[in-house]
Protein backbone atom coordinates (compact mmCIF):
# COMPACT_ATOMS: atom_id res chain seq x y z
CA UNK A 1 0.00 0.00 0.00
CA UNK A 2 2.78 2.44 0.88
CA UNK A 3 4.49 1.73 -2.44
CA UNK A 4 1.24 2.40 -4.34
CA UNK A 5 0.75 5.64 -2.44
CA UNK A 6 4.26 6.78 -3.29
CA UNK A 7 3.73 6.05 -6.98
CA UNK A 8 0.54 8.09 -7.05
CA UNK A 9 2.13 10.95 -5.13
CA UNK A 10 5.08 11.01 -7.51
CA UNK A 11 2.80 11.10 -10.55
CA UNK A 12 0.63 13.95 -9.29
CA UNK A 13 1.97 17.29 -10.39
CA UNK A 14 3.81 15.87 -13.41
CA UNK A 15 2.70 15.45 -17.05
CA UNK A 16 3.01 11.70 -16.57
CA UNK A 17 -0.14 11.72 -14.44
CA UNK A 18 -2.25 12.86 -17.40
CA UNK A 19 -0.59 10.40 -19.76
CA UNK A 20 -1.19 7.50 -17.37
CA UNK A 21 -4.82 8.53 -16.90
CA UNK A 22 -5.37 8.65 -20.65
CA UNK A 23 -3.72 5.28 -21.25
CA UNK A 24 -5.54 3.50 -18.42
CA UNK A 25 -8.91 4.85 -19.53
CA UNK A 26 -8.22 3.92 -23.15
CA UNK A 27 -7.34 0.35 -22.20
CA UNK A 28 -10.24 0.32 -19.73
CA UNK A 29 -12.67 0.23 -22.63
CA UNK A 30 -11.92 -3.49 -22.78
CA UNK A 31 -10.01 -4.16 -19.54
CA UNK A 32 -12.97 -3.38 -17.30
CA UNK A 33 -11.15 -4.65 -14.22
CA UNK A 34 -8.91 -1.55 -14.15
CA UNK A 35 -9.83 0.91 -11.34
CA UNK A 36 -10.41 3.78 -13.78
CA UNK A 37 -12.89 5.74 -11.70
CA UNK A 38 -10.88 5.35 -8.51
CA UNK A 39 -7.74 6.54 -10.28
CA UNK A 40 -9.34 9.67 -11.74
CA UNK A 41 -10.98 10.61 -8.46
CA UNK A 42 -7.80 9.92 -6.49
CA UNK A 43 -5.55 12.00 -8.75
CA UNK A 44 -8.17 14.74 -8.97
CA UNK A 45 -8.48 14.89 -5.20
CA UNK A 46 -4.73 15.27 -4.79
CA UNK A 47 -4.51 17.88 -7.56
CA UNK A 48 -7.22 20.00 -5.93
CA UNK A 49 -5.71 19.54 -2.49
CA UNK A 50 -2.32 20.62 -3.80
CA UNK A 51 -3.61 24.08 -4.74
CA UNK A 52 -2.18 23.78 -8.23
CA UNK A 53 -4.95 25.93 -9.63
CA UNK A 54 -7.71 25.19 -12.10
CA UNK A 55 -5.49 24.26 -15.08
CA UNK A 56 -4.32 20.83 -13.81
CA UNK A 57 -7.91 19.90 -12.99
CA UNK A 58 -9.09 20.86 -16.47
CA UNK A 59 -6.17 18.96 -18.01
CA UNK A 60 -7.26 15.89 -16.03
CA UNK A 61 -10.76 16.14 -17.53
CA UNK A 62 -9.27 16.54 -21.02
CA UNK A 63 -6.84 13.62 -20.57
CA UNK A 64 -9.58 11.36 -19.22
CA UNK A 65 -11.96 12.30 -22.04
CA UNK A 66 -9.39 11.79 -24.80
CA UNK A 67 -8.30 8.45 -23.38
CA UNK A 68 -11.87 7.21 -23.09
CA UNK A 69 -12.88 8.34 -26.58
CA UNK A 70 -9.86 6.61 -28.13
CA UNK A 71 -10.62 3.42 -26.21
CA UNK A 72 -14.30 3.58 -27.19
CA UNK A 73 -13.43 4.04 -30.87
CA UNK A 74 -10.95 1.14 -30.78
CA UNK A 75 -13.56 -1.17 -29.26
CA UNK A 76 -16.17 0.00 -31.78
CA UNK A 77 -13.86 -0.77 -34.70
CA UNK A 78 -12.89 -4.12 -33.20
CA UNK A 79 -16.50 -5.14 -32.62
CA UNK A 80 -17.48 -4.08 -36.16
CA UNK A 81 -14.59 -6.00 -37.68
CA UNK A 82 -15.57 -9.30 -36.04
CA UNK A 83 -19.33 -8.76 -36.62
CA UNK A 84 -20.58 -9.72 -33.18
CA UNK A 85 -24.17 -9.91 -34.37
CA UNK A 86 -23.36 -12.94 -36.49
CA UNK A 87 -21.97 -14.99 -33.60
CA UNK A 88 -24.06 -17.96 -32.51
CA UNK A 89 -24.38 -16.77 -28.90
CA UNK A 90 -25.85 -13.45 -30.03
CA UNK A 91 -28.25 -15.27 -32.36
CA UNK A 92 -30.10 -17.05 -29.54
CA UNK A 93 -33.80 -16.02 -29.38
CA UNK A 94 -33.71 -14.46 -25.90
CA UNK A 95 -30.44 -12.67 -26.56
CA UNK A 96 -31.65 -11.48 -29.98
CA UNK A 97 -34.86 -10.09 -28.45
CA UNK A 98 -32.92 -8.24 -25.76
CA UNK A 99 -30.49 -6.92 -28.38
CA UNK A 100 -33.32 -5.60 -30.54
CA UNK A 101 -34.83 -3.75 -27.57
CA UNK A 102 -31.49 -2.23 -26.55
CA UNK A 103 -30.54 -1.40 -30.14
CA UNK A 104 -33.81 0.46 -30.67
CA UNK A 105 -33.31 2.57 -27.54
CA UNK A 106 -29.68 3.20 -28.41
CA UNK A 107 -30.37 4.33 -31.99
CA UNK A 108 -33.14 6.64 -30.76
CA UNK A 109 -30.97 8.39 -28.16
CA UNK A 110 -27.32 7.21 -28.31
CA UNK A 111 -26.01 10.13 -26.26
CA UNK A 112 -28.40 9.56 -23.37
CA UNK A 113 -27.83 5.81 -23.31
CA UNK A 114 -24.05 6.29 -23.50
CA UNK A 115 -24.09 8.76 -20.59
CA UNK A 116 -26.18 6.46 -18.43
CA UNK A 117 -23.95 3.55 -19.35
CA UNK A 118 -20.90 5.28 -17.93
CA UNK A 119 -22.44 5.12 -14.44
CA UNK A 120 -23.44 1.45 -14.56
CA UNK A 121 -21.04 -1.41 -13.85
CA UNK A 122 -19.86 -2.80 -17.22
CA UNK A 123 -21.99 -0.10 -18.83
CA UNK A 124 -19.23 1.45 -20.91
CA UNK A 125 -18.31 -1.89 -22.47
CA UNK A 126 -21.96 -2.80 -23.04
CA UNK A 127 -23.01 0.47 -24.67
CA UNK A 128 -19.94 0.48 -26.92
CA UNK A 129 -20.73 -3.05 -28.11
CA UNK A 130 -24.38 -2.12 -28.63
CA UNK A 131 -23.28 0.92 -30.63
CA UNK A 132 -21.16 -1.25 -32.88
CA UNK A 133 -23.80 -3.96 -33.25
CA UNK A 134 -26.66 -1.51 -33.88
CA UNK A 135 -25.09 -0.22 -37.08
CA UNK A 136 -24.72 3.30 -35.70
CA UNK A 137 -22.37 5.26 -37.96
CA UNK A 138 -18.99 6.23 -36.55
CA UNK A 139 -19.77 9.96 -36.44
CA UNK A 140 -22.85 9.55 -34.23
CA UNK A 141 -21.03 6.96 -32.15
CA UNK A 142 -18.11 9.33 -31.52
CA UNK A 143 -20.42 12.22 -30.67
CA UNK A 144 -22.35 10.11 -28.16
CA UNK A 145 -19.13 8.78 -26.62
CA UNK A 146 -17.56 12.24 -26.43
CA UNK A 147 -20.64 13.55 -24.60
CA UNK A 148 -20.72 10.58 -22.22
CA UNK A 149 -16.98 10.67 -21.56
CA UNK A 150 -16.92 14.41 -20.84
CA UNK A 151 -19.85 14.04 -18.43
CA UNK A 152 -18.20 11.08 -16.69
CA UNK A 153 -14.80 12.78 -16.40
CA UNK A 154 -16.34 16.01 -15.12
CA UNK A 155 -18.40 14.00 -12.63
CA UNK A 156 -15.33 12.20 -11.24
CA UNK A 157 -13.29 15.41 -11.06
CA UNK A 158 -16.26 17.20 -9.49
CA UNK A 159 -16.31 14.59 -6.73
CA UNK A 160 -12.57 15.15 -6.30
CA UNK A 161 -13.00 18.93 -6.20
CA UNK A 162 -15.66 18.65 -3.52
CA UNK A 163 -13.29 16.79 -1.21
CA UNK A 164 -9.84 17.88 -2.35
CA UNK A 165 -9.48 20.87 -0.04
CA UNK A 166 -9.52 18.51 2.95
CA UNK A 167 -6.81 16.25 1.53
CA UNK A 168 -3.73 18.11 2.79
CA UNK A 169 -3.52 16.44 6.19
CA UNK A 170 -5.08 13.06 5.33
CA UNK A 171 -4.71 12.77 1.53
CA UNK A 172 -5.41 9.08 1.14
CA UNK A 173 -8.20 8.94 3.70
CA UNK A 174 -9.99 11.73 1.86
CA UNK A 175 -9.21 10.10 -1.49
CA UNK A 176 -10.74 6.79 -0.37
CA UNK A 177 -13.85 8.59 0.89
CA UNK A 178 -14.10 10.49 -2.40
CA UNK A 179 -13.82 7.28 -4.42
CA UNK A 180 -16.48 5.57 -2.30
CA UNK A 181 -18.77 8.59 -2.65
CA UNK A 182 -18.35 8.63 -6.44
CA UNK A 183 -19.15 4.92 -6.71
CA UNK A 184 -22.23 5.25 -4.49
CA UNK A 185 -23.48 8.22 -6.50
CA UNK A 186 -22.95 6.29 -9.70
CA UNK A 187 -24.92 3.32 -8.37
CA UNK A 188 -27.64 5.71 -7.26
CA UNK A 189 -27.89 7.23 -10.73
CA UNK A 190 -28.07 3.73 -12.20
CA UNK A 191 -30.85 2.70 -9.81
CA UNK A 192 -32.90 5.83 -10.56
CA UNK A 193 -32.54 5.31 -14.31
CA UNK A 194 -33.69 1.69 -14.05
CA UNK A 195 -36.68 2.67 -11.88
CA UNK A 196 -37.75 5.42 -14.30
CA UNK A 197 -37.38 3.08 -17.31
CA UNK A 198 -39.40 0.30 -15.66
CA UNK A 199 -42.16 2.74 -14.71
CA UNK A 200 -42.25 4.00 -18.30
CA UNK A 201 -42.41 0.46 -19.67
CA UNK A 202 -45.19 -0.44 -17.21
CA UNK A 203 -47.18 2.65 -18.18
CA UNK A 204 -46.75 1.86 -21.88
CA UNK A 205 -47.87 -1.73 -21.34
CA UNK A 206 -50.96 -0.60 -19.41
CA UNK A 207 -51.99 1.95 -22.05
C-alpha atoms as a PDB file:
ATOM      1  CA  UNK A   1       0.000   0.000   0.000  1.00  0.00           C
ATOM      2  CA  UNK A   2       2.781   2.441   0.880  1.00  0.00           C
ATOM      3  CA  UNK A   3       4.488   1.725  -2.439  1.00  0.00           C
ATOM      4  CA  UNK A   4       1.243   2.397  -4.344  1.00  0.00           C
ATOM      5  CA  UNK A   5       0.750   5.639  -2.443  1.00  0.00           C
ATOM      6  CA  UNK A   6       4.261   6.779  -3.287  1.00  0.00           C
ATOM      7  CA  UNK A   7       3.733   6.045  -6.976  1.00  0.00           C
ATOM      8  CA  UNK A   8       0.539   8.091  -7.051  1.00  0.00           C
ATOM      9  CA  UNK A   9       2.128  10.949  -5.132  1.00  0.00           C
ATOM     10  CA  UNK A  10       5.082  11.006  -7.511  1.00  0.00           C
ATOM     11  CA  UNK A  11       2.801  11.104 -10.551  1.00  0.00           C
ATOM     12  CA  UNK A  12       0.626  13.949  -9.286  1.00  0.00           C
ATOM     13  CA  UNK A  13       1.973  17.287 -10.387  1.00  0.00           C
ATOM     14  CA  UNK A  14       3.814  15.869 -13.413  1.00  0.00           C
ATOM     15  CA  UNK A  15       2.699  15.455 -17.049  1.00  0.00           C
ATOM     16  CA  UNK A  16       3.009  11.698 -16.570  1.00  0.00           C
ATOM     17  CA  UNK A  17      -0.140  11.717 -14.440  1.00  0.00           C
ATOM     18  CA  UNK A  18      -2.253  12.856 -17.397  1.00  0.00           C
ATOM     19  CA  UNK A  19      -0.591  10.395 -19.763  1.00  0.00           C
ATOM     20  CA  UNK A  20      -1.187   7.501 -17.369  1.00  0.00           C
ATOM     21  CA  UNK A  21      -4.818   8.534 -16.901  1.00  0.00           C
ATOM     22  CA  UNK A  22      -5.369   8.650 -20.654  1.00  0.00           C
ATOM     23  CA  UNK A  23      -3.724   5.281 -21.248  1.00  0.00           C
ATOM     24  CA  UNK A  24      -5.543   3.497 -18.416  1.00  0.00           C
ATOM     25  CA  UNK A  25      -8.914   4.851 -19.528  1.00  0.00           C
ATOM     26  CA  UNK A  26      -8.220   3.923 -23.149  1.00  0.00           C
ATOM     27  CA  UNK A  27      -7.336   0.354 -22.202  1.00  0.00           C
ATOM     28  CA  UNK A  28     -10.237   0.324 -19.727  1.00  0.00           C
ATOM     29  CA  UNK A  29     -12.670   0.233 -22.626  1.00  0.00           C
ATOM     30  CA  UNK A  30     -11.920  -3.494 -22.785  1.00  0.00           C
ATOM     31  CA  UNK A  31     -10.008  -4.159 -19.541  1.00  0.00           C
ATOM     32  CA  UNK A  32     -12.973  -3.382 -17.302  1.00  0.00           C
ATOM     33  CA  UNK A  33     -11.155  -4.652 -14.217  1.00  0.00           C
ATOM     34  CA  UNK A  34      -8.908  -1.551 -14.147  1.00  0.00           C
ATOM     35  CA  UNK A  35      -9.826   0.911 -11.341  1.00  0.00           C
ATOM     36  CA  UNK A  36     -10.411   3.779 -13.779  1.00  0.00           C
ATOM     37  CA  UNK A  37     -12.890   5.739 -11.698  1.00  0.00           C
ATOM     38  CA  UNK A  38     -10.881   5.345  -8.513  1.00  0.00           C
ATOM     39  CA  UNK A  39      -7.736   6.542 -10.276  1.00  0.00           C
ATOM     40  CA  UNK A  40      -9.337   9.668 -11.738  1.00  0.00           C
ATOM     41  CA  UNK A  41     -10.985  10.607  -8.457  1.00  0.00           C
ATOM     42  CA  UNK A  42      -7.803   9.924  -6.494  1.00  0.00           C
ATOM     43  CA  UNK A  43      -5.548  12.000  -8.746  1.00  0.00           C
ATOM     44  CA  UNK A  44      -8.168  14.739  -8.972  1.00  0.00           C
ATOM     45  CA  UNK A  45      -8.476  14.887  -5.196  1.00  0.00           C
ATOM     46  CA  UNK A  46      -4.732  15.268  -4.788  1.00  0.00           C
ATOM     47  CA  UNK A  47      -4.512  17.884  -7.555  1.00  0.00           C
ATOM     48  CA  UNK A  48      -7.221  20.000  -5.933  1.00  0.00           C
ATOM     49  CA  UNK A  49      -5.708  19.541  -2.489  1.00  0.00           C
ATOM     50  CA  UNK A  50      -2.317  20.618  -3.799  1.00  0.00           C
ATOM     51  CA  UNK A  51      -3.613  24.084  -4.743  1.00  0.00           C
ATOM     52  CA  UNK A  52      -2.177  23.779  -8.231  1.00  0.00           C
ATOM     53  CA  UNK A  53      -4.946  25.932  -9.630  1.00  0.00           C
ATOM     54  CA  UNK A  54      -7.707  25.194 -12.103  1.00  0.00           C
ATOM     55  CA  UNK A  55      -5.495  24.263 -15.077  1.00  0.00           C
ATOM     56  CA  UNK A  56      -4.321  20.834 -13.807  1.00  0.00           C
ATOM     57  CA  UNK A  57      -7.911  19.895 -12.987  1.00  0.00           C
ATOM     58  CA  UNK A  58      -9.087  20.863 -16.470  1.00  0.00           C
ATOM     59  CA  UNK A  59      -6.173  18.958 -18.007  1.00  0.00           C
ATOM     60  CA  UNK A  60      -7.257  15.895 -16.030  1.00  0.00           C
ATOM     61  CA  UNK A  61     -10.756  16.136 -17.528  1.00  0.00           C
ATOM     62  CA  UNK A  62      -9.268  16.536 -21.021  1.00  0.00           C
ATOM     63  CA  UNK A  63      -6.838  13.623 -20.573  1.00  0.00           C
ATOM     64  CA  UNK A  64      -9.576  11.361 -19.222  1.00  0.00           C
ATOM     65  CA  UNK A  65     -11.956  12.295 -22.037  1.00  0.00           C
ATOM     66  CA  UNK A  66      -9.394  11.788 -24.803  1.00  0.00           C
ATOM     67  CA  UNK A  67      -8.296   8.447 -23.376  1.00  0.00           C
ATOM     68  CA  UNK A  68     -11.875   7.207 -23.089  1.00  0.00           C
ATOM     69  CA  UNK A  69     -12.882   8.338 -26.576  1.00  0.00           C
ATOM     70  CA  UNK A  70      -9.857   6.613 -28.126  1.00  0.00           C
ATOM     71  CA  UNK A  71     -10.618   3.422 -26.208  1.00  0.00           C
ATOM     72  CA  UNK A  72     -14.300   3.580 -27.189  1.00  0.00           C
ATOM     73  CA  UNK A  73     -13.432   4.038 -30.868  1.00  0.00           C
ATOM     74  CA  UNK A  74     -10.946   1.144 -30.775  1.00  0.00           C
ATOM     75  CA  UNK A  75     -13.563  -1.175 -29.257  1.00  0.00           C
ATOM     76  CA  UNK A  76     -16.174   0.000 -31.778  1.00  0.00           C
ATOM     77  CA  UNK A  77     -13.863  -0.771 -34.697  1.00  0.00           C
ATOM     78  CA  UNK A  78     -12.890  -4.125 -33.198  1.00  0.00           C
ATOM     79  CA  UNK A  79     -16.501  -5.138 -32.620  1.00  0.00           C
ATOM     80  CA  UNK A  80     -17.481  -4.079 -36.157  1.00  0.00           C
ATOM     81  CA  UNK A  81     -14.594  -5.996 -37.677  1.00  0.00           C
ATOM     82  CA  UNK A  82     -15.573  -9.301 -36.037  1.00  0.00           C
ATOM     83  CA  UNK A  83     -19.333  -8.760 -36.623  1.00  0.00           C
ATOM     84  CA  UNK A  84     -20.582  -9.718 -33.176  1.00  0.00           C
ATOM     85  CA  UNK A  85     -24.169  -9.913 -34.368  1.00  0.00           C
ATOM     86  CA  UNK A  86     -23.361 -12.941 -36.491  1.00  0.00           C
ATOM     87  CA  UNK A  87     -21.972 -14.988 -33.603  1.00  0.00           C
ATOM     88  CA  UNK A  88     -24.056 -17.962 -32.505  1.00  0.00           C
ATOM     89  CA  UNK A  89     -24.382 -16.773 -28.903  1.00  0.00           C
ATOM     90  CA  UNK A  90     -25.854 -13.453 -30.032  1.00  0.00           C
ATOM     91  CA  UNK A  91     -28.249 -15.270 -32.357  1.00  0.00           C
ATOM     92  CA  UNK A  92     -30.096 -17.049 -29.542  1.00  0.00           C
ATOM     93  CA  UNK A  93     -33.804 -16.020 -29.378  1.00  0.00           C
ATOM     94  CA  UNK A  94     -33.712 -14.463 -25.900  1.00  0.00           C
ATOM     95  CA  UNK A  95     -30.442 -12.672 -26.555  1.00  0.00           C
ATOM     96  CA  UNK A  96     -31.652 -11.483 -29.976  1.00  0.00           C
ATOM     97  CA  UNK A  97     -34.861 -10.088 -28.455  1.00  0.00           C
ATOM     98  CA  UNK A  98     -32.916  -8.238 -25.759  1.00  0.00           C
ATOM     99  CA  UNK A  99     -30.489  -6.921 -28.383  1.00  0.00           C
ATOM    100  CA  UNK A 100     -33.324  -5.601 -30.536  1.00  0.00           C
ATOM    101  CA  UNK A 101     -34.827  -3.746 -27.568  1.00  0.00           C
ATOM    102  CA  UNK A 102     -31.492  -2.229 -26.554  1.00  0.00           C
ATOM    103  CA  UNK A 103     -30.539  -1.404 -30.145  1.00  0.00           C
ATOM    104  CA  UNK A 104     -33.808   0.464 -30.668  1.00  0.00           C
ATOM    105  CA  UNK A 105     -33.312   2.573 -27.544  1.00  0.00           C
ATOM    106  CA  UNK A 106     -29.677   3.204 -28.409  1.00  0.00           C
ATOM    107  CA  UNK A 107     -30.369   4.325 -31.991  1.00  0.00           C
ATOM    108  CA  UNK A 108     -33.138   6.642 -30.762  1.00  0.00           C
ATOM    109  CA  UNK A 109     -30.965   8.389 -28.161  1.00  0.00           C
ATOM    110  CA  UNK A 110     -27.320   7.211 -28.315  1.00  0.00           C
ATOM    111  CA  UNK A 111     -26.012  10.125 -26.262  1.00  0.00           C
ATOM    112  CA  UNK A 112     -28.401   9.564 -23.369  1.00  0.00           C
ATOM    113  CA  UNK A 113     -27.825   5.811 -23.312  1.00  0.00           C
ATOM    114  CA  UNK A 114     -24.054   6.286 -23.496  1.00  0.00           C
ATOM    115  CA  UNK A 115     -24.090   8.763 -20.589  1.00  0.00           C
ATOM    116  CA  UNK A 116     -26.184   6.461 -18.428  1.00  0.00           C
ATOM    117  CA  UNK A 117     -23.947   3.550 -19.352  1.00  0.00           C
ATOM    118  CA  UNK A 118     -20.900   5.284 -17.926  1.00  0.00           C
ATOM    119  CA  UNK A 119     -22.443   5.122 -14.444  1.00  0.00           C
ATOM    120  CA  UNK A 120     -23.444   1.452 -14.564  1.00  0.00           C
ATOM    121  CA  UNK A 121     -21.037  -1.412 -13.852  1.00  0.00           C
ATOM    122  CA  UNK A 122     -19.864  -2.801 -17.221  1.00  0.00           C
ATOM    123  CA  UNK A 123     -21.994  -0.098 -18.833  1.00  0.00           C
ATOM    124  CA  UNK A 124     -19.230   1.449 -20.914  1.00  0.00           C
ATOM    125  CA  UNK A 125     -18.314  -1.886 -22.468  1.00  0.00           C
ATOM    126  CA  UNK A 126     -21.956  -2.795 -23.039  1.00  0.00           C
ATOM    127  CA  UNK A 127     -23.008   0.473 -24.674  1.00  0.00           C
ATOM    128  CA  UNK A 128     -19.941   0.482 -26.922  1.00  0.00           C
ATOM    129  CA  UNK A 129     -20.729  -3.048 -28.109  1.00  0.00           C
ATOM    130  CA  UNK A 130     -24.375  -2.121 -28.625  1.00  0.00           C
ATOM    131  CA  UNK A 131     -23.279   0.924 -30.630  1.00  0.00           C
ATOM    132  CA  UNK A 132     -21.158  -1.253 -32.880  1.00  0.00           C
ATOM    133  CA  UNK A 133     -23.796  -3.960 -33.253  1.00  0.00           C
ATOM    134  CA  UNK A 134     -26.662  -1.514 -33.884  1.00  0.00           C
ATOM    135  CA  UNK A 135     -25.085  -0.223 -37.082  1.00  0.00           C
ATOM    136  CA  UNK A 136     -24.721   3.301 -35.698  1.00  0.00           C
ATOM    137  CA  UNK A 137     -22.372   5.255 -37.963  1.00  0.00           C
ATOM    138  CA  UNK A 138     -18.992   6.225 -36.553  1.00  0.00           C
ATOM    139  CA  UNK A 139     -19.770   9.964 -36.439  1.00  0.00           C
ATOM    140  CA  UNK A 140     -22.853   9.545 -34.226  1.00  0.00           C
ATOM    141  CA  UNK A 141     -21.027   6.964 -32.154  1.00  0.00           C
ATOM    142  CA  UNK A 142     -18.107   9.332 -31.525  1.00  0.00           C
ATOM    143  CA  UNK A 143     -20.424  12.219 -30.670  1.00  0.00           C
ATOM    144  CA  UNK A 144     -22.351  10.112 -28.163  1.00  0.00           C
ATOM    145  CA  UNK A 145     -19.135   8.783 -26.624  1.00  0.00           C
ATOM    146  CA  UNK A 146     -17.559  12.240 -26.431  1.00  0.00           C
ATOM    147  CA  UNK A 147     -20.641  13.549 -24.602  1.00  0.00           C
ATOM    148  CA  UNK A 148     -20.720  10.584 -22.223  1.00  0.00           C
ATOM    149  CA  UNK A 149     -16.985  10.667 -21.558  1.00  0.00           C
ATOM    150  CA  UNK A 150     -16.919  14.409 -20.840  1.00  0.00           C
ATOM    151  CA  UNK A 151     -19.850  14.042 -18.429  1.00  0.00           C
ATOM    152  CA  UNK A 152     -18.200  11.083 -16.690  1.00  0.00           C
ATOM    153  CA  UNK A 153     -14.798  12.775 -16.400  1.00  0.00           C
ATOM    154  CA  UNK A 154     -16.343  16.006 -15.116  1.00  0.00           C
ATOM    155  CA  UNK A 155     -18.399  13.996 -12.628  1.00  0.00           C
ATOM    156  CA  UNK A 156     -15.326  12.205 -11.239  1.00  0.00           C
ATOM    157  CA  UNK A 157     -13.285  15.408 -11.062  1.00  0.00           C
ATOM    158  CA  UNK A 158     -16.256  17.199  -9.492  1.00  0.00           C
ATOM    159  CA  UNK A 159     -16.305  14.594  -6.729  1.00  0.00           C
ATOM    160  CA  UNK A 160     -12.575  15.150  -6.301  1.00  0.00           C
ATOM    161  CA  UNK A 161     -12.996  18.927  -6.197  1.00  0.00           C
ATOM    162  CA  UNK A 162     -15.664  18.645  -3.515  1.00  0.00           C
ATOM    163  CA  UNK A 163     -13.285  16.794  -1.206  1.00  0.00           C
ATOM    164  CA  UNK A 164      -9.838  17.877  -2.355  1.00  0.00           C
ATOM    165  CA  UNK A 165      -9.483  20.865  -0.040  1.00  0.00           C
ATOM    166  CA  UNK A 166      -9.517  18.510   2.955  1.00  0.00           C
ATOM    167  CA  UNK A 167      -6.814  16.252   1.533  1.00  0.00           C
ATOM    168  CA  UNK A 168      -3.733  18.114   2.788  1.00  0.00           C
ATOM    169  CA  UNK A 169      -3.519  16.438   6.193  1.00  0.00           C
ATOM    170  CA  UNK A 170      -5.080  13.059   5.325  1.00  0.00           C
ATOM    171  CA  UNK A 171      -4.713  12.772   1.534  1.00  0.00           C
ATOM    172  CA  UNK A 172      -5.412   9.079   1.138  1.00  0.00           C
ATOM    173  CA  UNK A 173      -8.200   8.945   3.699  1.00  0.00           C
ATOM    174  CA  UNK A 174      -9.992  11.730   1.857  1.00  0.00           C
ATOM    175  CA  UNK A 175      -9.205  10.104  -1.486  1.00  0.00           C
ATOM    176  CA  UNK A 176     -10.736   6.787  -0.374  1.00  0.00           C
ATOM    177  CA  UNK A 177     -13.845   8.587   0.888  1.00  0.00           C
ATOM    178  CA  UNK A 178     -14.102  10.490  -2.401  1.00  0.00           C
ATOM    179  CA  UNK A 179     -13.820   7.283  -4.418  1.00  0.00           C
ATOM    180  CA  UNK A 180     -16.478   5.568  -2.305  1.00  0.00           C
ATOM    181  CA  UNK A 181     -18.769   8.591  -2.646  1.00  0.00           C
ATOM    182  CA  UNK A 182     -18.349   8.631  -6.438  1.00  0.00           C
ATOM    183  CA  UNK A 183     -19.146   4.915  -6.706  1.00  0.00           C
ATOM    184  CA  UNK A 184     -22.226   5.247  -4.485  1.00  0.00           C
ATOM    185  CA  UNK A 185     -23.485   8.218  -6.497  1.00  0.00           C
ATOM    186  CA  UNK A 186     -22.951   6.285  -9.700  1.00  0.00           C
ATOM    187  CA  UNK A 187     -24.915   3.316  -8.370  1.00  0.00           C
ATOM    188  CA  UNK A 188     -27.645   5.707  -7.257  1.00  0.00           C
ATOM    189  CA  UNK A 189     -27.887   7.225 -10.725  1.00  0.00           C
ATOM    190  CA  UNK A 190     -28.066   3.727 -12.199  1.00  0.00           C
ATOM    191  CA  UNK A 191     -30.852   2.699  -9.810  1.00  0.00           C
ATOM    192  CA  UNK A 192     -32.901   5.835 -10.565  1.00  0.00           C
ATOM    193  CA  UNK A 193     -32.542   5.311 -14.314  1.00  0.00           C
ATOM    194  CA  UNK A 194     -33.690   1.693 -14.047  1.00  0.00           C
ATOM    195  CA  UNK A 195     -36.685   2.673 -11.883  1.00  0.00           C
ATOM    196  CA  UNK A 196     -37.755   5.422 -14.304  1.00  0.00           C
ATOM    197  CA  UNK A 197     -37.376   3.082 -17.308  1.00  0.00           C
ATOM    198  CA  UNK A 198     -39.397   0.297 -15.657  1.00  0.00           C
ATOM    199  CA  UNK A 199     -42.157   2.740 -14.711  1.00  0.00           C
ATOM    200  CA  UNK A 200     -42.254   4.002 -18.299  1.00  0.00           C
ATOM    201  CA  UNK A 201     -42.413   0.459 -19.666  1.00  0.00           C
ATOM    202  CA  UNK A 202     -45.191  -0.436 -17.210  1.00  0.00           C
ATOM    203  CA  UNK A 203     -47.177   2.649 -18.179  1.00  0.00           C
ATOM    204  CA  UNK A 204     -46.748   1.856 -21.881  1.00  0.00           C
ATOM    205  CA  UNK A 205     -47.873  -1.730 -21.339  1.00  0.00           C
ATOM    206  CA  UNK A 206     -50.960  -0.601 -19.409  1.00  0.00           C
ATOM    207  CA  UNK A 207     -51.989   1.948 -22.045  1.00  0.00           C
END
